[in-house]
Structures are given as C-alpha cells and as structure tokens.
Amino acid sequence: MSAVVTESTQVATAGRELRDGAFGHATGLSCRECGHQVELGPHYACPECFGPLEIAYEFPAVTREEIEAGPANIWRYKALLPVPSDIETSPNMEPGFTRLLKANNLGRTLGIDNLWVKDDSTNPTNSFKDRVVACALSAAREFGSSVFACPSTGNLANAVAAAGARAGIKTVVFIPSNLEKPKQINSAIYTDSLVAVNGNYDDVNKLASEIAGEEDGWAFVNVNVRPYYAEGSKTLGYEIAEQLGWRLPDQIVIPVASGSQLTKVHKAFQELIKLGLVEDKPYKVYGAQATGCSPVSVAYKSGVDAIRPVKPDTIAKSLAIGNPADGIYVLDVCRQTGGAVEDITDDEVREAIVLLARTEGIFTETAGGTTVGVLKKLVETGQLDTSLETVVINTGHGLKTLDAVADVVGARATIEPNYAAFRASGVV
C-alpha cells in the first residue's frame, strides 16, 4: 500500500515539491470501491482496482463561528476542502455563497408547504461550475501544471476559461461541436483555445483522457485532478445548511449529469453531522435527469445497480452525459436516503423553465428546468412529501440556453401605438 501523505510530508510532482499543507487537512486519496490509500497527487484511478479516488481528511475541530467569520465565498469552508490555508491570496474567481431564496410562489403552485431555491446562477460565470473549478485550480497550481483544461458540456468550459484567465494560466477547453452557441461564446471570450469536437460529451471526455495520458503538465479538471475538483461541490451542501440556520433540509432535488454534484452534497451533509455543526436527522436526496439522457433514472426505476450508457438526445445539454462517472453512487445515495431518481421530457423542461421564471423571477437554463420539472413530477406522482422542507438547486443561468425557450415565449401581441389598439389587444 502506498504511503499516505500528511501535511508535514512533501512529495515531488511534475518536477515540483508540494508545499507543506498544500492540500489543507487532506491526508491522501482513498478508493471509493476497495478503500486502497494513495498519496496526494494528480491521480484519479485506484492502482489496485481502477475504482475512482476521492479525498480523505483528518478534519480539525471547526465551529460555526469560525466559518461565519470567513469570506462570503466558498473559502469560508477552506478547512473542509483540499486547499491551502492561504487560498484567498491566490487570484481566483471567489465563487459561492450564492442566494437561497424562499420560493413561496412556486411552492403554492406545486403544493409544497416549505420550498427553497438554491440559485447558483449568480456565480461569476453564472453556473455552479465555478465552485469545482476553484478547487481544481488550486490543485493545478500546487502540481505546477502549465495548462488548465477540461472536456465540457458548456458551463465547465466557461468556468475553466475564466478562472485560467484570472490566474494567468493557459487554458484549453474541449466541447461538443453542437453545443449551444451562447455557451461557446462564453468560453471563447476568455480563451483563444476553445476546441470543438465532432461528437457527444462522452467522445470529448475520451479524447481528454487520452491527452491527459500523453501530455505532461496538463491539468484536466475533471480527469486527472478530478478528486480535488469534485470536492468543490460540497460547498453547495455547506451553504444550504448554513443558510437554513445550520440545519439540513428534509428533501433536496439535484440535477444529475456525471452525478458528482449529488454525491458530494450528500457527503457535505454527512461531514457537517460528524463535525457537530448540524443536528443529525434523516433527509431524502432526489436526482433529476432529462428523458433523452437518463441512464441513472432508468437504472433506478429498473431496480438495478449497473448504469447502461446511452447516446444523449435532449435539449438539456449540460446534463447530456450518457455514461455518468458517478451514476452508481447516485443510485446508492438516493436509495439509502429514501429518495428517487426521476426524468422528464424536453417539453416538460421548457415548461419548467417558464414556470420558475414566472413564479420566482429566476431564469434558469435547461439543467435547472430539468430539476424544477422533476420536482413537479415527484409531487404529482407522490414520491415527494409536500409537507416537508424542500430545496431545489438551480445550477445555471437561462441566458446560456436561450434557444430552448425561444419558440415558447415571446410578444403576446404586436399593436399600433395608440390606446384603442392596446385595448383591442386583449392584454388586459
């Protein structure tokens, strides 16, 4: 078994010695399948069983007061992340601590007594991906990486390109060539190395994995530094609990692409319980997918543990991962907590985007439409208890996926500029 690196141990990586405490209170990497321990480094697959690696920690005693005294971004939780204690001094996008909105109007429409929307569309590049990229960037710096890169369905490419620009690191981002135009522009504005690949996300991800294995000094945020990157999603869970007054919600609905966000929010809740920062209580976790790319939902409904890859065919392109890396772990979390995984059609996604906008004034992209639409379906099918406190996560801004609703909204009437025409229009 490999020796586990502690804070006082240094190891050479990419020709560079890691600083003491470069990864905070992380003690090593642990295989999620067999438990094998690996030293901290740019590793993502277990050398024993090829299972995925995740960060292991020895957390210090942390108080609510210490967290609340921190900055209004994800670094208030730095003691619980694989980042150095001086992380705030490095140029970064300072994401996080986004608003948690009481959704009374949407709740009344759906018949949910106590509903909240965690709105991550207000992050620097308008999606939750800024959180995970910030943690990945910290790791890339410590490893001495010369290129910051990713395969992406859009939002991640935006976040990586912007974060790299801010940090002064060369970025290269790979996307499917049929990605929504606004997301392409939102990446190309930050980097001159946007690469469009003819294929779906799984094809792009395979290419990225090949490049990561051949090119030295490349940090692919969701490939060879994935364990560090994935930890950024925990901050969503930390914030929700803190913003609820240091308590866990009874139910939470989370979109599923790779599945990492859902599993890490659950991990965050468990860490808060173990640290005594919130009361231990049962909660249900629900996953949301679009029917045109719903391998996890299909597996859940079939009662099987294996995920059968699919070819994506949905307008929810940010969720269009046909072979989700964390799919089996999503099944575990949802089943263990008493939740579920559900899916909705593209038309239902569009309807939910409009519903959220017209009840709460939040314009979400297709991933958020999927999540709100699944929330509605869970209520209609009796899978969600409408009397319990519920949180739904909005992961991105609707300006990124305008085409999805361009044909379902618009001017109610076109009239001549006079009062009679206005009265005849039927607007009022």
Protein backbone atom coordinates (compact mmCIF):
# COMPACT_ATOMS: atom_id res chain seq x y z
CA MET A 1 0.00 0.00 0.00
CA SER A 2 1.29 3.47 -0.86
CA ALA A 3 2.24 5.76 1.99
CA VAL A 4 -0.35 8.38 2.76
CA VAL A 5 0.92 11.93 2.54
CA THR A 6 0.33 14.09 5.62
CA GLU A 7 0.66 17.85 5.98
CA SER A 8 4.28 17.52 7.14
CA THR A 9 5.29 15.33 4.20
CA GLN A 10 6.48 16.66 0.85
CA VAL A 11 6.47 14.83 -2.46
CA ALA A 12 7.79 15.80 -5.88
CA THR A 13 5.09 16.18 -8.53
CA ALA A 14 5.77 17.25 -12.13
CA GLY A 15 9.25 18.28 -11.06
CA ARG A 16 7.91 20.43 -8.24
CA GLU A 17 7.85 19.88 -4.49
CA LEU A 18 4.45 20.20 -2.91
CA ARG A 19 4.24 22.76 -0.13
CA ASP A 20 3.53 21.68 3.41
CA GLY A 21 -0.23 21.99 3.87
CA ALA A 22 -0.76 22.43 0.12
CA PHE A 23 -3.99 20.46 0.42
CA GLY A 24 -5.12 21.64 3.82
CA HIS A 25 -6.30 18.81 6.04
CA ALA A 26 -6.42 16.23 3.25
CA THR A 27 -4.42 13.14 4.19
CA GLY A 28 -4.47 11.24 0.92
CA LEU A 29 -6.67 9.70 -1.74
CA SER A 30 -8.97 6.79 -0.98
CA CYS A 31 -10.55 4.40 -3.45
CA ARG A 32 -14.33 4.52 -3.28
CA GLU A 33 -14.52 0.83 -4.21
CA CYS A 34 -11.79 -1.04 -2.35
CA GLY A 35 -10.54 1.56 0.15
CA HIS A 36 -6.93 1.45 -1.07
CA GLN A 37 -4.99 4.54 0.01
CA VAL A 38 -2.91 6.60 -2.44
CA GLU A 39 -0.67 9.57 -1.72
CA LEU A 40 -1.85 13.04 -2.71
CA GLY A 41 -1.04 13.79 -6.33
CA PRO A 42 -2.63 14.10 -9.78
CA HIS A 43 -4.20 10.63 -9.51
CA TYR A 44 -7.81 9.69 -10.16
CA ALA A 45 -7.93 5.90 -10.59
CA CYS A 46 -7.07 3.30 -7.97
CA PRO A 47 -3.92 1.32 -8.92
CA GLU A 48 -5.43 -1.79 -7.33
CA CYS A 49 -8.95 -1.97 -8.77
CA PHE A 50 -9.19 1.08 -11.10
CA GLY A 51 -12.00 2.47 -8.96
CA PRO A 52 -12.40 6.26 -8.55
CA LEU A 53 -10.35 8.06 -5.93
CA GLU A 54 -11.63 10.72 -3.56
CA ILE A 55 -10.05 12.95 -0.94
CA ALA A 56 -9.62 11.62 2.60
CA TYR A 57 -9.26 14.06 5.52
CA GLU A 58 -8.44 14.44 9.17
CA PHE A 59 -10.57 17.46 9.95
CA PRO A 60 -9.74 19.77 12.84
CA ALA A 61 -12.39 21.00 15.25
CA VAL A 62 -14.39 23.61 13.31
CA THR A 63 -17.02 25.90 14.79
CA ARG A 64 -19.94 27.69 13.19
CA GLU A 65 -18.49 30.99 14.37
CA GLU A 66 -15.18 30.36 12.59
CA ILE A 67 -16.98 29.59 9.35
CA GLU A 68 -19.30 32.59 9.63
CA ALA A 69 -16.28 34.88 10.16
CA GLY A 70 -14.83 33.79 6.81
CA PRO A 71 -15.21 35.46 3.41
CA ALA A 72 -18.55 35.49 1.59
CA ASN A 73 -17.44 32.78 -0.84
CA ILE A 74 -16.50 29.09 -0.75
CA TRP A 75 -13.24 29.79 1.09
CA ARG A 76 -15.20 30.24 4.33
CA TYR A 77 -15.15 26.41 4.25
CA LYS A 78 -11.46 26.07 3.37
CA ALA A 79 -10.79 23.94 6.48
CA LEU A 80 -13.06 21.29 4.91
CA LEU A 81 -11.55 21.45 1.40
CA PRO A 82 -8.27 20.21 -0.18
CA VAL A 83 -6.81 23.73 -0.40
CA PRO A 84 -4.07 25.61 1.49
CA SER A 85 -4.87 27.96 4.36
CA ASP A 86 -3.73 30.93 2.25
CA ILE A 87 -6.03 30.11 -0.67
CA GLU A 88 -7.64 33.59 -0.62
CA THR A 89 -4.33 35.22 -1.59
CA SER A 90 -4.18 33.45 -4.97
CA PRO A 91 -6.08 35.12 -7.84
CA ASN A 92 -9.35 33.25 -8.25
CA MET A 93 -12.98 33.90 -9.15
CA GLU A 94 -14.14 33.78 -5.49
CA PRO A 95 -17.30 31.79 -6.22
CA GLY A 96 -20.01 30.69 -3.86
CA PHE A 97 -22.25 31.86 -1.04
CA THR A 98 -25.00 32.34 -3.58
CA ARG A 99 -28.54 33.13 -2.52
CA LEU A 100 -31.01 30.68 -1.03
CA LEU A 101 -34.45 32.00 -1.92
CA LYS A 102 -37.74 31.18 -0.26
CA ALA A 103 -39.89 30.05 -3.18
CA ASN A 104 -43.39 30.76 -1.84
CA ASN A 105 -44.98 31.34 -5.25
CA LEU A 106 -43.56 28.18 -6.81
CA GLY A 107 -44.38 26.28 -3.64
CA ARG A 108 -48.03 27.34 -3.78
CA THR A 109 -48.24 26.39 -7.45
CA LEU A 110 -46.82 22.93 -6.80
CA GLY A 111 -48.50 22.43 -3.43
CA ILE A 112 -45.25 22.34 -1.42
CA ASP A 113 -45.55 23.96 2.01
CA ASN A 114 -41.89 24.97 2.51
CA LEU A 115 -39.78 25.32 -0.64
CA TRP A 116 -36.40 26.93 -1.27
CA VAL A 117 -34.35 27.50 -4.43
CA LYS A 118 -30.57 27.47 -4.12
CA ASP A 119 -29.72 29.80 -7.01
CA ASP A 120 -26.18 29.17 -8.27
CA SER A 121 -26.75 31.17 -11.45
CA THR A 122 -25.23 34.19 -9.67
CA ASN A 123 -21.71 32.70 -9.59
CA PRO A 124 -19.01 34.56 -11.58
CA THR A 125 -19.64 32.69 -14.86
CA ASN A 126 -23.29 32.07 -13.98
CA SER A 127 -23.16 28.41 -13.00
CA PHE A 128 -22.18 26.21 -10.08
CA LYS A 129 -19.10 25.04 -12.03
CA ASP A 130 -17.14 28.00 -10.67
CA ARG A 131 -17.09 26.17 -7.32
CA VAL A 132 -15.47 22.97 -8.55
CA VAL A 133 -13.09 24.80 -10.87
CA ALA A 134 -11.78 26.93 -7.99
CA CYS A 135 -10.73 23.78 -6.11
CA ALA A 136 -9.27 22.22 -9.25
CA LEU A 137 -7.28 25.38 -9.98
CA SER A 138 -5.76 25.29 -6.50
CA ALA A 139 -4.62 21.70 -7.11
CA ALA A 140 -3.26 22.54 -10.57
CA ARG A 141 -1.16 25.34 -9.06
CA GLU A 142 0.28 23.05 -6.41
CA PHE A 143 1.14 20.41 -9.03
CA GLY A 144 2.92 23.03 -11.16
CA SER A 145 0.64 22.42 -14.14
CA SER A 146 1.29 24.55 -17.23
CA VAL A 147 -2.10 24.03 -18.91
CA PHE A 148 -5.54 24.17 -17.29
CA ALA A 149 -8.07 22.21 -19.34
CA CYS A 150 -11.36 20.32 -19.44
CA PRO A 151 -13.85 18.41 -21.57
CA SER A 152 -17.21 20.08 -21.08
CA THR A 153 -20.88 20.32 -21.96
CA GLY A 154 -20.58 24.10 -21.66
CA ASN A 155 -20.72 25.51 -18.15
CA LEU A 156 -17.46 23.88 -17.09
CA ALA A 157 -15.69 25.25 -20.17
CA ASN A 158 -16.92 28.74 -19.27
CA ALA A 159 -15.66 28.41 -15.70
CA VAL A 160 -12.27 26.90 -16.62
CA ALA A 161 -11.57 29.50 -19.29
CA ALA A 162 -12.45 32.39 -16.99
CA ALA A 163 -10.57 31.01 -13.98
CA GLY A 164 -7.48 30.35 -16.09
CA ALA A 165 -7.55 33.90 -17.42
CA ARG A 166 -7.84 35.28 -13.89
CA ALA A 167 -4.98 33.08 -12.68
CA GLY A 168 -2.74 33.77 -15.68
CA ILE A 169 -2.59 30.10 -16.70
CA LYS A 170 -3.02 28.86 -20.29
CA THR A 171 -6.41 27.22 -20.76
CA VAL A 172 -7.64 24.77 -23.37
CA VAL A 173 -11.28 23.69 -23.30
CA PHE A 174 -12.92 20.93 -25.35
CA ILE A 175 -16.64 20.90 -26.16
CA PRO A 176 -19.04 19.00 -28.42
CA SER A 177 -19.31 20.93 -31.70
CA ASN A 178 -23.14 21.09 -31.44
CA LEU A 179 -23.08 22.90 -28.09
CA GLU A 180 -25.39 25.88 -27.62
CA LYS A 181 -23.86 28.98 -29.23
CA PRO A 182 -24.09 31.18 -26.11
CA LYS A 183 -22.04 28.66 -24.14
CA GLN A 184 -19.43 28.52 -26.90
CA ILE A 185 -19.15 32.31 -26.90
CA ASN A 186 -19.00 32.37 -23.09
CA SER A 187 -15.88 30.21 -23.30
CA ALA A 188 -14.23 31.74 -26.35
CA ILE A 189 -14.38 35.21 -24.81
CA TYR A 190 -11.95 34.07 -22.10
CA THR A 191 -9.60 31.85 -24.15
CA ASP A 192 -8.31 31.55 -27.69
CA SER A 193 -8.07 27.78 -27.27
CA LEU A 194 -11.65 26.58 -27.49
CA VAL A 195 -11.67 23.24 -29.33
CA ALA A 196 -14.95 21.93 -30.78
CA VAL A 197 -15.04 18.16 -31.24
CA ASN A 198 -17.36 16.33 -33.61
CA GLY A 199 -19.11 14.00 -31.18
CA ASN A 200 -21.03 13.98 -27.92
CA TYR A 201 -19.66 14.69 -24.44
CA ASP A 202 -18.53 11.10 -23.91
CA ASP A 203 -16.42 11.35 -27.09
CA VAL A 204 -14.93 14.63 -25.86
CA ASN A 205 -14.19 13.14 -22.45
CA LYS A 206 -12.45 10.14 -24.02
CA LEU A 207 -10.23 12.46 -26.06
CA ALA A 208 -9.39 14.48 -22.94
CA SER A 209 -8.39 11.31 -21.10
CA GLU A 210 -6.07 10.36 -23.97
CA ILE A 211 -4.45 13.79 -23.97
CA ALA A 212 -4.03 13.71 -20.18
CA GLY A 213 -2.17 10.42 -20.51
CA GLU A 214 0.18 11.69 -23.22
CA GLU A 215 0.86 15.36 -22.41
CA ASP A 216 2.94 16.44 -19.40
CA GLY A 217 1.83 19.37 -17.29
CA TRP A 218 -1.84 19.32 -18.33
CA ALA A 219 -4.38 19.57 -15.51
CA PHE A 220 -7.74 18.35 -16.79
CA VAL A 221 -10.06 19.44 -14.02
CA ASN A 222 -12.49 16.54 -14.40
CA VAL A 223 -9.93 13.90 -15.39
CA ASN A 224 -6.52 13.80 -13.67
CA VAL A 225 -7.38 16.31 -10.92
CA ARG A 226 -10.98 15.14 -10.58
CA PRO A 227 -10.76 14.18 -6.87
CA TYR A 228 -9.88 17.79 -5.97
CA TYR A 229 -12.33 19.30 -8.44
CA ALA A 230 -15.24 17.22 -7.18
CA GLU A 231 -14.81 18.46 -3.60
CA GLY A 232 -15.93 21.93 -4.68
CA SER A 233 -19.49 20.62 -5.00
CA LYS A 234 -19.55 20.03 -1.24
CA THR A 235 -19.75 23.79 -0.73
CA LEU A 236 -23.31 23.74 -2.09
CA GLY A 237 -24.29 21.46 0.78
CA TYR A 238 -22.38 23.50 3.35
CA GLU A 239 -24.04 26.72 2.22
CA ILE A 240 -27.56 25.31 2.17
CA ALA A 241 -27.17 24.07 5.74
CA GLU A 242 -25.66 27.35 6.95
CA GLN A 243 -28.26 29.49 5.16
CA LEU A 244 -31.06 27.42 6.69
CA GLY A 245 -29.73 28.35 10.13
CA TRP A 246 -27.34 25.39 10.45
CA ARG A 247 -29.85 22.65 9.73
CA LEU A 248 -30.35 20.14 6.95
CA PRO A 249 -33.41 20.24 4.68
CA ASP A 250 -35.82 17.31 4.76
CA GLN A 251 -35.64 16.83 0.99
CA ILE A 252 -33.37 18.09 -1.78
CA VAL A 253 -33.64 17.76 -5.58
CA ILE A 254 -30.36 17.87 -7.53
CA PRO A 255 -29.64 17.60 -11.28
CA VAL A 256 -27.61 14.61 -12.44
CA ALA A 257 -25.02 14.84 -15.22
CA SER A 258 -21.90 12.95 -14.10
CA GLY A 259 -23.60 12.56 -10.71
CA SER A 260 -20.73 14.11 -8.78
CA GLN A 261 -22.70 17.12 -7.52
CA LEU A 262 -25.39 14.98 -5.93
CA THR A 263 -22.96 12.63 -4.21
CA LYS A 264 -20.82 15.50 -2.89
CA VAL A 265 -23.78 17.42 -1.47
CA HIS A 266 -24.65 14.23 0.41
CA LYS A 267 -21.01 13.96 1.53
CA ALA A 268 -21.15 17.56 2.76
CA PHE A 269 -24.25 16.87 4.83
CA GLN A 270 -22.57 13.82 6.39
CA GLU A 271 -19.41 15.80 7.20
CA LEU A 272 -21.44 18.55 8.88
CA ILE A 273 -23.16 15.93 11.01
CA LYS A 274 -19.86 14.29 12.02
CA LEU A 275 -18.35 17.66 12.91
CA GLY A 276 -21.33 18.52 15.08
CA LEU A 277 -22.17 21.59 13.01
CA VAL A 278 -25.74 20.41 12.31
CA GLU A 279 -28.13 18.05 14.05
CA ASP A 280 -28.18 14.51 12.73
CA LYS A 281 -31.50 13.87 11.01
CA PRO A 282 -32.91 11.87 8.10
CA TYR A 283 -33.15 13.60 4.71
CA LYS A 284 -34.05 12.44 1.23
CA VAL A 285 -31.97 13.08 -1.88
CA TYR A 286 -33.62 13.10 -5.33
CA GLY A 287 -31.84 13.09 -8.68
CA ALA A 288 -33.15 14.80 -11.82
CA GLN A 289 -32.46 13.86 -15.45
CA ALA A 290 -33.88 14.63 -18.88
CA THR A 291 -35.54 11.64 -20.53
CA GLY A 292 -33.28 11.96 -23.57
CA CYS A 293 -30.27 11.23 -21.37
CA SER A 294 -31.50 9.38 -18.30
CA PRO A 295 -29.31 6.31 -17.70
CA VAL A 296 -29.38 6.77 -13.92
CA SER A 297 -33.14 7.24 -13.79
CA VAL A 298 -33.64 4.14 -15.94
CA ALA A 299 -31.40 2.10 -13.64
CA TYR A 300 -33.21 3.39 -10.55
CA LYS A 301 -36.63 2.54 -11.92
CA SER A 302 -35.42 -0.86 -13.08
CA GLY A 303 -34.05 -1.67 -9.64
CA VAL A 304 -30.57 -2.47 -10.98
CA ASP A 305 -27.15 -1.31 -9.78
CA ALA A 306 -25.40 -1.02 -13.15
CA ILE A 307 -25.68 2.03 -15.39
CA ARG A 308 -26.20 1.27 -19.07
CA PRO A 309 -24.62 4.05 -21.20
CA VAL A 310 -26.89 5.88 -23.64
CA LYS A 311 -26.48 8.25 -26.56
CA PRO A 312 -27.78 11.67 -25.38
CA ASP A 313 -30.68 13.26 -27.24
CA THR A 314 -32.02 16.18 -25.21
CA ILE A 315 -32.06 19.97 -25.09
CA ALA A 316 -30.57 19.73 -21.58
CA LYS A 317 -27.06 19.55 -22.98
CA SER A 318 -25.37 20.41 -19.68
CA LEU A 319 -26.80 17.14 -18.33
CA ALA A 320 -26.11 15.15 -21.50
CA ILE A 321 -23.56 12.68 -20.18
CA GLY A 322 -24.51 9.25 -21.45
CA ASN A 323 -22.01 7.36 -19.28
CA PRO A 324 -22.02 9.21 -15.93
CA ALA A 325 -18.92 8.53 -13.85
CA ASP A 326 -20.75 8.74 -10.52
CA GLY A 327 -24.02 7.20 -11.66
CA ILE A 328 -23.80 4.14 -9.44
CA TYR A 329 -23.06 6.32 -6.43
CA VAL A 330 -26.11 8.47 -7.20
CA LEU A 331 -28.20 5.29 -7.04
CA ASP A 332 -26.65 4.43 -3.67
CA VAL A 333 -27.33 7.86 -2.16
CA CYS A 334 -30.89 8.15 -3.42
CA ARG A 335 -31.82 4.66 -2.33
CA GLN A 336 -30.12 4.90 1.07
CA THR A 337 -31.81 8.20 1.90
CA GLY A 338 -35.23 7.13 0.67
CA GLY A 339 -35.20 9.48 -2.31
CA ALA A 340 -35.51 8.66 -6.00
CA VAL A 341 -34.19 9.46 -9.49
CA GLU A 342 -36.73 10.77 -11.99
CA ASP A 343 -36.69 12.14 -15.54
CA ILE A 344 -38.84 14.44 -17.70
CA THR A 345 -39.23 15.18 -21.41
CA ASP A 346 -37.77 18.17 -23.23
CA ASP A 347 -41.21 19.79 -23.43
CA GLU A 348 -41.52 19.45 -19.66
CA VAL A 349 -38.06 21.02 -19.30
CA ARG A 350 -39.21 24.05 -21.29
CA GLU A 351 -42.41 24.32 -19.29
CA ALA A 352 -40.47 24.23 -16.03
CA ILE A 353 -38.08 26.97 -17.17
CA VAL A 354 -41.08 29.22 -17.80
CA LEU A 355 -42.74 28.14 -14.55
CA LEU A 356 -39.73 29.09 -12.41
CA ALA A 357 -39.32 32.41 -14.21
CA ARG A 358 -42.97 33.39 -13.85
CA THR A 359 -43.31 32.35 -10.21
CA GLU A 360 -39.95 33.35 -8.70
CA GLY A 361 -38.29 35.64 -11.24
CA ILE A 362 -35.41 33.20 -11.77
CA PHE A 363 -34.37 32.47 -15.35
CA THR A 364 -32.77 29.05 -15.33
CA GLU A 365 -31.04 27.10 -18.06
CA THR A 366 -32.16 23.66 -19.20
CA ALA A 367 -30.48 21.87 -16.27
CA GLY A 368 -32.49 23.95 -13.81
CA GLY A 369 -35.59 23.40 -15.91
CA THR A 370 -34.96 19.68 -15.62
CA THR A 371 -34.64 19.90 -11.85
CA VAL A 372 -37.75 22.04 -11.32
CA GLY A 373 -39.68 19.86 -13.77
CA VAL A 374 -38.65 16.73 -11.91
CA LEU A 375 -39.67 18.39 -8.64
CA LYS A 376 -43.13 18.93 -10.14
CA LYS A 377 -43.29 15.32 -11.34
CA LEU A 378 -42.20 14.00 -7.94
CA VAL A 379 -45.11 15.88 -6.37
CA GLU A 380 -47.60 14.66 -8.98
CA THR A 381 -46.51 11.04 -8.61
CA GLY A 382 -46.49 11.16 -4.81
CA GLN A 383 -42.78 10.44 -4.50
CA LEU A 384 -42.09 13.66 -2.58
CA ASP A 385 -43.71 14.69 0.71
CA THR A 386 -45.15 18.16 0.13
CA SER A 387 -45.35 18.87 3.89
CA LEU A 388 -41.56 18.70 4.36
CA GLU A 389 -38.95 21.43 3.90
CA THR A 390 -37.57 21.03 0.38
CA VAL A 391 -34.64 22.57 -1.51
CA VAL A 392 -34.23 22.52 -5.29
CA ILE A 393 -30.92 23.51 -6.89
CA ASN A 394 -30.68 25.84 -9.88
CA THR A 395 -27.23 25.33 -11.37
CA GLY A 396 -27.08 27.92 -14.17
CA HIS A 397 -28.50 30.99 -15.87
CA GLY A 398 -31.07 30.85 -18.65
CA LEU A 399 -29.19 33.30 -20.87
CA LYS A 400 -26.90 30.37 -21.69
CA THR A 401 -29.70 28.31 -23.27
CA LEU A 402 -31.98 30.89 -24.89
CA ASP A 403 -32.75 28.64 -27.87
CA ALA A 404 -34.52 26.18 -25.59
CA VAL A 405 -37.37 28.60 -24.92
CA ALA A 406 -37.16 30.91 -27.94
CA ASP A 407 -40.16 29.26 -29.57
CA VAL A 408 -42.35 29.03 -26.45
CA VAL A 409 -42.22 32.65 -25.24
CA GLY A 410 -42.45 35.99 -26.98
CA ALA A 411 -44.62 39.02 -27.52
CA ARG A 412 -48.28 38.44 -26.66
CA ALA A 413 -49.38 40.98 -29.23
CA THR A 414 -47.97 43.40 -31.81
CA ILE A 415 -50.06 46.57 -31.89
CA GLU A 416 -50.17 50.07 -33.31
CA PRO A 417 -49.01 52.87 -30.96
CA ASN A 418 -52.45 54.01 -29.78
CA TYR A 419 -54.75 53.32 -26.83
CA ALA A 420 -57.51 51.77 -28.90
CA ALA A 421 -55.11 49.18 -30.29
CA PHE A 422 -53.92 48.43 -26.77
CA ARG A 423 -57.48 47.86 -25.54
CA ALA A 424 -58.27 45.69 -28.54
CA SER A 425 -55.19 43.51 -27.99
CA GLY A 426 -56.71 41.61 -25.09
CA VAL A 427 -53.62 42.08 -22.92
CA VAL A 428 -55.86 43.25 -20.07
